[in-house]
PDB file of N, CA and C in Angstrom:
ATOM      1  N   MET A   1       0.751  -0.855   0.166  1.00  0.00           N
ATOM      2  CA  MET A   1      -0.060   0.151   0.072  1.00  0.00           C
ATOM      3  C   MET A   1       0.879   1.423  -0.297  1.00  0.00           C
ATOM      4  N   PRO A   2       0.507   2.629  -1.199  1.00  0.00           N
ATOM      5  CA  PRO A   2       1.813   3.794  -0.837  1.00  0.00           C
ATOM      6  C   PRO A   2       0.913   4.216   0.468  1.00  0.00           C
ATOM      7  N   LYS A   3       1.981   5.243   1.068  1.00  0.00           N
ATOM      8  CA  LYS A   3       2.848   5.762   1.632  1.00  0.00           C
ATOM      9  C   LYS A   3       1.929   6.418   2.441  1.00  0.00           C
ATOM     10  N   GLY A   4       1.454   7.629   2.680  1.00  0.00           N
ATOM     11  CA  GLY A   4       0.153   8.658   3.042  1.00  0.00           C
ATOM     12  C   GLY A   4       0.591   9.029   2.833  1.00  0.00           C
ATOM     13  N   PHE A   5       0.744  11.435   3.294  1.00  0.00           N
ATOM     14  CA  PHE A   5       1.041  12.648   3.016  1.00  0.00           C
ATOM     15  C   PHE A   5       1.634  12.503   4.224  1.00  0.00           C
ATOM     16  N   LEU A   6       1.001  12.343   5.752  1.00  0.00           N
ATOM     17  CA  LEU A   6       1.432  12.343   6.869  1.00  0.00           C
ATOM     18  C   LEU A   6       2.709  11.363   7.392  1.00  0.00           C
ATOM     19  N   GLU A   7       3.194  10.430   6.478  1.00  0.00           N
ATOM     20  CA  GLU A   7       3.604   9.483   6.666  1.00  0.00           C
ATOM     21  C   GLU A   7       5.344   9.839   5.985  1.00  0.00           C
ATOM     22  N   ARG A   8       4.771  10.216   4.937  1.00  0.00           N
ATOM     23  CA  ARG A   8       5.724  10.934   3.932  1.00  0.00           C
ATOM     24  C   ARG A   8       6.192  11.967   4.518  1.00  0.00           C
ATOM     25  N   LEU A   9       5.970  12.883   5.218  1.00  0.00           N
ATOM     26  CA  LEU A   9       5.999  14.349   6.214  1.00  0.00           C
ATOM     27  C   LEU A   9       7.112  13.763   7.348  1.00  0.00           C
ATOM     28  N   ALA A  10       6.496  13.051   7.690  1.00  0.00           N
ATOM     29  CA  ALA A  10       6.953  12.095   9.395  1.00  0.00           C
ATOM     30  C   ALA A  10       8.788  12.213   8.573  1.00  0.00           C
ATOM     31  N   GLU A  11       8.756  11.746   7.875  1.00  0.00           N
ATOM     32  CA  GLU A  11       9.904  10.645   6.972  1.00  0.00           C
ATOM     33  C   GLU A  11      11.307  11.825   6.267  1.00  0.00           C
ATOM     34  N   GLY A  12      10.333  13.265   6.557  1.00  0.00           N
ATOM     35  CA  GLY A  12      11.436  14.645   5.475  1.00  0.00           C
ATOM     36  C   GLY A  12      10.403  15.418   5.171  1.00  0.00           C
ATOM     37  N   PRO A  13      11.218  16.276   4.040  1.00  0.00           N
ATOM     38  CA  PRO A  13      10.768  17.333   3.576  1.00  0.00           C
ATOM     39  C   PRO A  13       9.738  16.262   2.179  1.00  0.00           C
ATOM     40  N   VAL A  14       8.861  17.113   1.757  1.00  0.00           N
ATOM     41  CA  VAL A  14       7.981  16.825   0.694  1.00  0.00           C
ATOM     42  C   VAL A  14       7.328  17.653  -0.138  1.00  0.00           C
ATOM     43  N   LEU A  15       8.395  17.086  -1.258  1.00  0.00           N
ATOM     44  CA  LEU A  15       7.926  18.271  -3.058  1.00  0.00           C
ATOM     45  C   LEU A  15       7.024  18.329  -3.513  1.00  0.00           C
ATOM     46  N   GLY A  16       5.875  19.161  -3.408  1.00  0.00           N
ATOM     47  CA  GLY A  16       5.022  19.489  -4.325  1.00  0.00           C
ATOM     48  C   GLY A  16       4.974  20.547  -5.058  1.00  0.00           C
ATOM     49  N   ASP A  17       3.646  20.452  -6.200  1.00  0.00           N
ATOM     50  CA  ASP A  17       3.044  22.437  -6.856  1.00  0.00           C
ATOM     51  C   ASP A  17       2.956  23.153  -6.026  1.00  0.00           C
ATOM     52  N   GLY A  18       1.833  22.964  -4.773  1.00  0.00           N
ATOM     53  CA  GLY A  18       1.297  23.496  -4.170  1.00  0.00           C
ATOM     54  C   GLY A  18      -0.134  23.260  -4.822  1.00  0.00           C
ATOM     55  N   GLY A  19      -0.145  22.077  -4.849  1.00  0.00           N
ATOM     56  CA  GLY A  19      -2.398  21.835  -5.436  1.00  0.00           C
ATOM     57  C   GLY A  19      -2.133  21.467  -3.667  1.00  0.00           C
ATOM     58  N   TYR A  20      -0.786  20.307  -3.041  1.00  0.00           N
ATOM     59  CA  TYR A  20      -1.448  20.223  -1.754  1.00  0.00           C
ATOM     60  C   TYR A  20      -1.871  20.872  -1.095  1.00  0.00           C
ATOM     61  N   LEU A  21      -1.351  21.972  -1.181  1.00  0.00           N
ATOM     62  CA  LEU A  21      -1.412  23.128   0.159  1.00  0.00           C
ATOM     63  C   LEU A  21      -3.078  23.695  -0.435  1.00  0.00           C
ATOM     64  N   LEU A  22      -3.645  23.707  -0.927  1.00  0.00           N
ATOM     65  CA  LEU A  22      -5.309  24.121  -1.120  1.00  0.00           C
ATOM     66  C   LEU A  22      -5.940  22.757  -1.085  1.00  0.00           C
ATOM     67  N   GLU A  23      -5.534  21.580  -0.865  1.00  0.00           N
ATOM     68  CA  GLU A  23      -6.392  20.388  -0.588  1.00  0.00           C
ATOM     69  C   GLU A  23      -6.476  20.235   1.390  1.00  0.00           C
ATOM     70  N   LEU A  24      -4.745  20.483   1.177  1.00  0.00           N
ATOM     71  CA  LEU A  24      -5.106  20.746   3.161  1.00  0.00           C
ATOM     72  C   LEU A  24      -5.702  21.677   3.825  1.00  0.00           C
ATOM     73  N   GLU A  25      -5.595  23.109   3.296  1.00  0.00           N
ATOM     74  CA  GLU A  25      -6.713  23.879   3.827  1.00  0.00           C
ATOM     75  C   GLU A  25      -7.661  23.672   3.256  1.00  0.00           C
ATOM     76  N   LYS A  26      -8.824  23.039   2.324  1.00  0.00           N
ATOM     77  CA  LYS A  26     -10.049  22.189   1.947  1.00  0.00           C
ATOM     78  C   LYS A  26     -10.109  21.755   3.743  1.00  0.00           C
ATOM     79  N   ARG A  27      -9.362  20.673   3.809  1.00  0.00           N
ATOM     80  CA  ARG A  27      -9.398  19.524   4.958  1.00  0.00           C
ATOM     81  C   ARG A  27      -9.257  20.453   6.263  1.00  0.00           C
ATOM     82  N   GLY A  28      -8.651  21.475   6.520  1.00  0.00           N
ATOM     83  CA  GLY A  28      -8.752  22.248   7.644  1.00  0.00           C
ATOM     84  C   GLY A  28      -7.229  21.916   8.251  1.00  0.00           C
ATOM     85  N   TYR A  29      -6.485  21.358   7.324  1.00  0.00           N
ATOM     86  CA  TYR A  29      -4.858  21.502   8.244  1.00  0.00           C
ATOM     87  C   TYR A  29      -4.143  22.652   8.299  1.00  0.00           C
ATOM     88  N   VAL A  30      -4.575  23.305   7.414  1.00  0.00           N
ATOM     89  CA  VAL A  30      -3.375  24.429   7.618  1.00  0.00           C
ATOM     90  C   VAL A  30      -4.006  25.633   6.933  1.00  0.00           C
ATOM     91  N   GLN A  31      -3.126  26.708   6.723  1.00  0.00           N
ATOM     92  CA  GLN A  31      -4.458  27.959   6.305  1.00  0.00           C
ATOM     93  C   GLN A  31      -3.058  28.727   5.553  1.00  0.00           C
ATOM     94  N   ALA A  32      -3.682  28.383   3.829  1.00  0.00           N
ATOM     95  CA  ALA A  32      -3.082  28.313   2.818  1.00  0.00           C
ATOM     96  C   ALA A  32      -2.599  30.002   2.667  1.00  0.00           C
ATOM     97  N   GLY A  33      -2.916  31.086   3.307  1.00  0.00           N
ATOM     98  CA  GLY A  33      -2.367  32.432   3.222  1.00  0.00           C
ATOM     99  C   GLY A  33      -1.047  32.936   3.378  1.00  0.00           C
ATOM    100  N   PRO A  34      -0.987  32.331   4.750  1.00  0.00           N
ATOM    101  CA  PRO A  34       0.585  32.169   5.040  1.00  0.00           C
ATOM    102  C   PRO A  34       1.409  31.638   4.105  1.00  0.00           C
ATOM    103  N   PHE A  35       1.461  30.819   3.251  1.00  0.00           N
ATOM    104  CA  PHE A  35       2.505  30.391   2.408  1.00  0.00           C
ATOM    105  C   PHE A  35       2.071  31.214   1.137  1.00  0.00           C
ATOM    106  N   THR A  36       1.527  32.019   0.753  1.00  0.00           N
ATOM    107  CA  THR A  36       1.445  32.895  -0.580  1.00  0.00           C
ATOM    108  C   THR A  36       2.615  33.230  -1.372  1.00  0.00           C
ATOM    109  N   PRO A  37       3.655  32.890  -1.939  1.00  0.00           N
ATOM    110  CA  PRO A  37       4.816  33.351  -2.208  1.00  0.00           C
ATOM    111  C   PRO A  37       5.011  34.871  -2.032  1.00  0.00           C
ATOM    112  N   GLU A  38       5.577  35.885  -1.746  1.00  0.00           N
ATOM    113  CA  GLU A  38       5.119  37.794  -1.697  1.00  0.00           C
ATOM    114  C   GLU A  38       5.477  37.968  -3.397  1.00  0.00           C
ATOM    115  N   VAL A  39       6.484  37.199  -3.911  1.00  0.00           N
ATOM    116  CA  VAL A  39       5.868  37.412  -5.530  1.00  0.00           C
ATOM    117  C   VAL A  39       4.799  37.278  -5.972  1.00  0.00           C
ATOM    118  N   ALA A  40       3.935  36.391  -5.865  1.00  0.00           N
ATOM    119  CA  ALA A  40       2.215  36.688  -6.091  1.00  0.00           C
ATOM    120  C   ALA A  40       1.882  37.303  -5.975  1.00  0.00           C
ATOM    121  N   ILE A  41       1.664  38.088  -4.730  1.00  0.00           N
ATOM    122  CA  ILE A  41       0.891  39.095  -4.107  1.00  0.00           C
ATOM    123  C   ILE A  41       1.934  40.569  -4.676  1.00  0.00           C
ATOM    124  N   GLU A  42       3.034  40.119  -4.970  1.00  0.00           N
ATOM    125  CA  GLU A  42       3.427  41.704  -5.888  1.00  0.00           C
ATOM    126  C   GLU A  42       3.299  42.017  -7.274  1.00  0.00           C
ATOM    127  N   HIS A  43       2.843  40.980  -7.634  1.00  0.00           N
ATOM    128  CA  HIS A  43       2.944  40.661  -9.271  1.00  0.00           C
ATOM    129  C   HIS A  43       1.788  39.407  -9.485  1.00  0.00           C
ATOM    130  N   PRO A  44       0.831  39.779  -9.266  1.00  0.00           N
ATOM    131  CA  PRO A  44      -0.101  38.517  -9.514  1.00  0.00           C
ATOM    132  C   PRO A  44      -0.431  38.412 -10.984  1.00  0.00           C
ATOM    133  N   GLU A  45       0.130  38.925 -11.952  1.00  0.00           N
ATOM    134  CA  GLU A  45       0.215  38.347 -13.657  1.00  0.00           C
ATOM    135  C   GLU A  45       0.975  37.436 -13.487  1.00  0.00           C
TER     136      GLU A  45
END
């Protein structure tokens, strides 16, 4: 059986494209706002 996200996170850093962050926010685990890169706020284009 494949490892879950929390199991992978317990083993060390987990890389992703950012979509996981939106899913974690939807499930109530994190707030995505603090993780928004500053460049995305200053240069949204």
